[in-house]
C-alpha cells in the first residue's frame, strides 16, 4: 500500500529545495557556450591524435623487440647465451673482484 500523502510531501520539499537554490548561476550566453564546446571538441581531437601516436609507437616497439629477440636467438649468438655448467659473471663487480669469487 502506497502512501500518497508521504510522497506528496516529499515532492513538495523537493520543489521547495529546488526553488530555494535559485536559478542556475552557470548559465552562459550561447556564444560563450559554443566556444567552450568547441574547445572541448578540440581537446578530444588532440587527445585522439596523441592516442593514435602512442598506439603506433607501441606497435613499432613491439616489432623492433620481436626482431631483437629473433636476432638474439640466432644460432651464431647461441654459444654466448648457453652458459650450462659455466660460472656466471657479475658484470657489476670490479675486474679484480671477479677473479677472487
N, C-alpha and C. Protein backbone atom coordinates (compact mmCIF):
# COMPACT_ATOMS: atom_id res chain seq x y z
N UNK A 1 0.84 -1.18 0.00
CA UNK A 1 0.00 0.00 0.00
C UNK A 1 0.89 1.24 0.00
N UNK A 2 0.67 2.13 -0.92
CA UNK A 2 1.47 3.34 -1.01
C UNK A 2 0.86 4.44 -0.17
N UNK A 3 1.67 5.37 0.17
CA UNK A 3 1.21 6.49 0.98
C UNK A 3 1.26 7.74 0.12
N UNK A 4 0.15 8.15 -0.47
CA UNK A 4 0.16 9.32 -1.34
C UNK A 4 0.52 10.60 -0.61
N UNK A 5 0.17 10.70 0.67
CA UNK A 5 0.47 11.90 1.42
C UNK A 5 1.98 12.04 1.61
N UNK A 6 2.66 10.94 1.94
CA UNK A 6 4.10 10.99 2.17
C UNK A 6 4.84 11.33 0.88
N UNK A 7 4.43 10.76 -0.24
CA UNK A 7 5.10 11.06 -1.48
C UNK A 7 4.82 12.49 -1.93
N UNK A 8 3.63 12.99 -1.64
CA UNK A 8 3.30 14.38 -1.99
C UNK A 8 4.13 15.35 -1.16
N UNK A 9 4.29 15.04 0.12
CA UNK A 9 5.09 15.90 0.99
C UNK A 9 6.55 15.89 0.52
N UNK A 10 7.04 14.72 0.14
CA UNK A 10 8.42 14.63 -0.36
C UNK A 10 8.61 15.43 -1.63
N UNK A 11 7.63 15.38 -2.50
CA UNK A 11 7.70 16.14 -3.75
C UNK A 11 7.67 17.64 -3.48
N UNK A 12 6.85 18.04 -2.53
CA UNK A 12 6.78 19.47 -2.17
C UNK A 12 8.12 19.94 -1.61
N UNK A 13 8.73 19.14 -0.73
CA UNK A 13 10.05 19.51 -0.19
C UNK A 13 11.11 19.58 -1.29
N UNK A 14 11.05 18.68 -2.24
CA UNK A 14 11.98 18.69 -3.35
C UNK A 14 11.82 19.97 -4.18
N UNK A 15 10.59 20.35 -4.45
CA UNK A 15 10.34 21.58 -5.21
C UNK A 15 10.76 22.82 -4.44
N UNK A 16 10.52 22.82 -3.13
CA UNK A 16 10.94 23.96 -2.31
C UNK A 16 12.46 24.08 -2.32
N UNK A 17 13.15 22.95 -2.19
CA UNK A 17 14.62 22.98 -2.22
C UNK A 17 15.15 23.46 -3.55
N UNK A 18 14.53 23.03 -4.63
CA UNK A 18 14.97 23.46 -5.96
C UNK A 18 14.73 24.95 -6.16
N UNK A 19 13.60 25.44 -5.68
CA UNK A 19 13.28 26.85 -5.80
C UNK A 19 14.21 27.69 -4.94
N UNK A 20 14.53 27.20 -3.73
CA UNK A 20 15.40 27.94 -2.83
C UNK A 20 16.82 28.03 -3.38
N UNK A 21 17.21 27.05 -4.16
CA UNK A 21 18.56 27.06 -4.72
C UNK A 21 18.73 28.18 -5.73
N UNK A 22 17.66 28.64 -6.32
CA UNK A 22 17.71 29.76 -7.25
C UNK A 22 18.05 29.29 -8.65
N UNK A 23 18.16 30.25 -9.55
CA UNK A 23 18.47 29.91 -10.94
C UNK A 23 19.89 29.40 -11.08
N UNK A 24 20.13 28.68 -12.14
CA UNK A 24 21.46 28.14 -12.41
C UNK A 24 22.41 29.28 -12.71
N UNK A 25 23.39 29.49 -11.83
CA UNK A 25 24.31 30.62 -11.99
C UNK A 25 25.35 30.38 -13.08
N UNK A 26 25.46 29.13 -13.56
CA UNK A 26 26.47 28.81 -14.56
C UNK A 26 25.93 28.93 -15.98
N UNK A 27 24.76 29.54 -16.13
CA UNK A 27 24.17 29.68 -17.45
C UNK A 27 24.91 30.78 -18.19
N UNK A 28 25.53 30.43 -19.29
CA UNK A 28 26.34 31.37 -20.06
C UNK A 28 25.63 31.71 -21.36
N UNK A 29 26.00 32.83 -21.95
CA UNK A 29 25.42 33.16 -23.27
C UNK A 29 25.79 32.11 -24.30
N UNK A 30 24.98 32.01 -25.33
CA UNK A 30 25.17 30.98 -26.35
C UNK A 30 26.55 31.05 -26.99
N UNK A 31 27.05 32.25 -27.27
CA UNK A 31 28.37 32.40 -27.91
C UNK A 31 29.47 31.82 -27.02
N UNK A 32 29.37 32.07 -25.73
CA UNK A 32 30.38 31.57 -24.80
C UNK A 32 30.27 30.05 -24.69
N UNK A 33 29.04 29.53 -24.62
CA UNK A 33 28.85 28.08 -24.52
C UNK A 33 29.38 27.37 -25.76
N UNK A 34 29.15 27.94 -26.94
CA UNK A 34 29.63 27.28 -28.15
C UNK A 34 31.15 27.31 -28.21
N UNK A 35 31.77 28.39 -27.71
CA UNK A 35 33.23 28.46 -27.67
C UNK A 35 33.77 27.38 -26.74
N UNK A 36 33.13 27.24 -25.59
CA UNK A 36 33.57 26.22 -24.63
C UNK A 36 33.38 24.83 -25.24
N UNK A 37 32.28 24.62 -25.91
CA UNK A 37 32.03 23.32 -26.55
C UNK A 37 33.07 23.04 -27.63
N UNK A 38 33.41 24.07 -28.39
CA UNK A 38 34.41 23.89 -29.44
C UNK A 38 35.77 23.58 -28.84
N UNK A 39 36.13 24.23 -27.73
CA UNK A 39 37.39 23.93 -27.05
C UNK A 39 37.38 22.48 -26.56
N UNK A 40 36.25 22.04 -26.07
CA UNK A 40 36.12 20.66 -25.59
C UNK A 40 36.31 19.67 -26.75
N UNK A 41 35.69 19.97 -27.88
CA UNK A 41 35.83 19.11 -29.06
C UNK A 41 37.28 19.12 -29.54
N UNK A 42 37.91 20.30 -29.55
CA UNK A 42 39.32 20.40 -29.97
C UNK A 42 40.23 19.59 -29.05
N UNK A 43 39.95 19.65 -27.75
CA UNK A 43 40.75 18.88 -26.79
C UNK A 43 40.62 17.39 -27.06
N UNK A 44 39.40 16.92 -27.31
CA UNK A 44 39.21 15.50 -27.59
C UNK A 44 39.88 15.10 -28.91
N UNK A 45 39.86 15.99 -29.88
CA UNK A 45 40.54 15.70 -31.14
C UNK A 45 42.03 15.56 -30.93
N UNK A 46 42.61 16.47 -30.16
CA UNK A 46 44.04 16.39 -29.87
C UNK A 46 44.38 15.14 -29.09
N UNK A 47 43.52 14.78 -28.12
CA UNK A 47 43.76 13.55 -27.35
C UNK A 47 43.68 12.32 -28.24
N UNK A 48 42.77 12.32 -29.21
CA UNK A 48 42.68 11.20 -30.14
C UNK A 48 43.96 11.08 -30.98
N UNK A 49 44.52 12.23 -31.38
CA UNK A 49 45.76 12.21 -32.16
C UNK A 49 46.90 11.66 -31.32
N UNK A 50 46.99 12.11 -30.07
CA UNK A 50 48.05 11.62 -29.17
C UNK A 50 47.88 10.13 -28.94
N UNK A 51 46.65 9.67 -28.72
CA UNK A 51 46.41 8.24 -28.51
C UNK A 51 46.84 7.43 -29.72
N UNK A 52 46.56 7.92 -30.92
CA UNK A 52 46.95 7.22 -32.15
C UNK A 52 48.47 7.14 -32.26
N UNK A 53 49.16 8.25 -31.92
CA UNK A 53 50.63 8.25 -31.98
C UNK A 53 51.21 7.27 -30.97
N UNK A 54 50.63 7.21 -29.78
CA UNK A 54 51.11 6.28 -28.75
C UNK A 54 50.91 4.84 -29.22
N UNK A 55 49.74 4.55 -29.80
CA UNK A 55 49.48 3.20 -30.29
C UNK A 55 50.46 2.82 -31.40
N UNK A 56 50.74 3.77 -32.32
CA UNK A 56 51.70 3.50 -33.39
C UNK A 56 53.10 3.25 -32.82
N UNK A 57 53.49 4.04 -31.83
CA UNK A 57 54.80 3.87 -31.21
C UNK A 57 54.91 2.51 -30.53
N UNK A 58 53.87 2.10 -29.83
CA UNK A 58 53.88 0.80 -29.15
C UNK A 58 53.98 -0.32 -30.19
N UNK A 59 53.26 -0.20 -31.28
CA UNK A 59 53.34 -1.22 -32.32
C UNK A 59 54.75 -1.29 -32.90
N UNK A 60 55.37 -0.12 -33.15
CA UNK A 60 56.74 -0.11 -33.66
C UNK A 60 57.71 -0.74 -32.67
N UNK A 61 57.54 -0.43 -31.39
CA UNK A 61 58.43 -1.01 -30.38
C UNK A 61 58.24 -2.52 -30.28
N UNK A 62 57.02 -2.99 -30.40
CA UNK A 62 56.78 -4.43 -30.37
C UNK A 62 57.45 -5.11 -31.55
N UNK A 63 57.39 -4.48 -32.71
CA UNK A 63 58.04 -5.04 -33.91
C UNK A 63 59.55 -5.09 -33.73
N UNK A 64 60.12 -3.99 -33.22
CA UNK A 64 61.57 -3.95 -33.00
C UNK A 64 62.01 -4.96 -31.95
N UNK A 65 61.21 -5.10 -30.89
CA UNK A 65 61.54 -6.07 -29.84
C UNK A 65 61.50 -7.49 -30.38
N UNK A 66 60.51 -7.79 -31.20
CA UNK A 66 60.43 -9.12 -31.80
C UNK A 66 61.65 -9.37 -32.69
N UNK A 67 62.08 -8.36 -33.45
CA UNK A 67 63.26 -8.50 -34.30
C UNK A 67 64.51 -8.72 -33.46
N UNK A 68 64.63 -7.98 -32.36
CA UNK A 68 65.79 -8.16 -31.47
C UNK A 68 65.81 -9.55 -30.85
N UNK A 69 64.66 -10.02 -30.40
CA UNK A 69 64.60 -11.36 -29.82
C UNK A 69 64.94 -12.43 -30.84
N UNK A 70 64.49 -12.24 -32.07
CA UNK A 70 64.85 -13.19 -33.13
C UNK A 70 66.36 -13.16 -33.39
N UNK A 71 66.94 -11.96 -33.35
CA UNK A 71 68.38 -11.85 -33.58
C UNK A 71 69.17 -12.51 -32.46
N UNK A 72 68.69 -12.35 -31.23
CA UNK A 72 69.39 -12.95 -30.08
C UNK A 72 69.31 -14.47 -30.14
N UNK A 73 68.19 -15.00 -30.59
CA UNK A 73 68.02 -16.44 -30.65
C UNK A 73 68.68 -17.05 -31.88
N UNK A 74 69.33 -16.23 -32.70
CA UNK A 74 70.02 -16.71 -33.89
C UNK A 74 71.14 -17.67 -33.46
N UNK A 75 71.40 -18.72 -34.23
CA UNK A 75 72.41 -19.71 -33.85
C UNK A 75 73.81 -19.13 -33.60
N UNK A 76 74.17 -18.06 -34.27
CA UNK A 76 75.53 -17.53 -34.04
C UNK A 76 75.67 -16.90 -32.65
N UNK A 77 74.58 -16.52 -32.00
CA UNK A 77 74.63 -15.99 -30.64
C UNK A 77 74.39 -17.07 -29.59
N UNK A 78 73.97 -18.24 -30.00
CA UNK A 78 73.62 -19.30 -29.06
C UNK A 78 74.77 -19.64 -28.09
N UNK A 79 76.02 -19.75 -28.55
CA UNK A 79 77.09 -20.08 -27.58
C UNK A 79 77.26 -19.02 -26.50
N UNK A 80 76.99 -17.77 -26.81
CA UNK A 80 77.11 -16.73 -25.79
C UNK A 80 76.01 -16.81 -24.75
N UNK A 81 74.85 -17.28 -25.16
CA UNK A 81 73.73 -17.37 -24.24
C UNK A 81 73.68 -18.68 -23.48
N UNK A 82 74.32 -19.71 -24.02
CA UNK A 82 74.30 -21.02 -23.39
C UNK A 82 75.41 -21.07 -22.35
N UNK A 83 75.04 -20.99 -21.09
CA UNK A 83 76.05 -21.00 -20.02
C UNK A 83 75.88 -22.21 -19.11
N UNK A 84 75.48 -23.33 -19.67
CA UNK A 84 75.31 -24.53 -18.88
C UNK A 84 76.67 -24.99 -18.36
N UNK A 85 76.74 -25.17 -17.08
CA UNK A 85 77.97 -25.66 -16.48
C UNK A 85 79.03 -24.58 -16.31
N UNK A 86 78.76 -23.38 -16.74
CA UNK A 86 79.74 -22.31 -16.58
C UNK A 86 79.34 -21.43 -15.41
N UNK A 87 80.36 -20.82 -14.84
CA UNK A 87 80.14 -19.91 -13.74
C UNK A 87 79.62 -18.58 -14.30
N UNK A 88 78.59 -18.03 -13.68
CA UNK A 88 78.07 -16.76 -14.17
C UNK A 88 79.00 -15.63 -13.76
N UNK A 89 79.06 -14.62 -14.60
CA UNK A 89 79.93 -13.48 -14.34
C UNK A 89 79.06 -12.29 -13.98
N UNK A 90 79.39 -11.67 -12.85
CA UNK A 90 78.68 -10.47 -12.43
C UNK A 90 79.38 -9.28 -13.05
N UNK A 91 78.76 -8.66 -14.00
CA UNK A 91 79.42 -7.57 -14.73
C UNK A 91 79.49 -6.29 -13.90
N UNK A 92 78.79 -6.25 -12.76
CA UNK A 92 78.83 -5.06 -11.92
C UNK A 92 80.01 -5.06 -10.96
N UNK A 93 80.67 -6.19 -10.79
CA UNK A 93 81.82 -6.26 -9.90
C UNK A 93 83.04 -5.67 -10.60
N UNK A 94 83.98 -5.22 -9.79
CA UNK A 94 85.25 -4.75 -10.34
C UNK A 94 85.99 -5.94 -10.94
N UNK A 95 86.78 -5.73 -11.99
CA UNK A 95 87.50 -6.86 -12.59
C UNK A 95 88.41 -7.59 -11.60
N UNK A 96 88.99 -6.88 -10.63
CA UNK A 96 89.86 -7.55 -9.65
C UNK A 96 89.05 -8.48 -8.75
N UNK A 97 87.80 -8.09 -8.43
CA UNK A 97 86.98 -8.90 -7.55
C UNK A 97 86.38 -10.11 -8.27
N UNK A 98 86.27 -10.05 -9.60
CA UNK A 98 85.71 -11.16 -10.35
C UNK A 98 86.57 -12.40 -10.25
N UNK A 99 87.87 -12.22 -10.27
CA UNK A 99 88.78 -13.35 -10.21
C UNK A 99 88.80 -13.99 -8.82
N UNK A 100 88.48 -13.23 -7.78
CA UNK A 100 88.55 -13.75 -6.41
C UNK A 100 87.34 -14.61 -6.06
N UNK A 101 86.18 -14.35 -6.62
CA UNK A 101 84.99 -15.11 -6.21
C UNK A 101 84.77 -16.33 -7.07
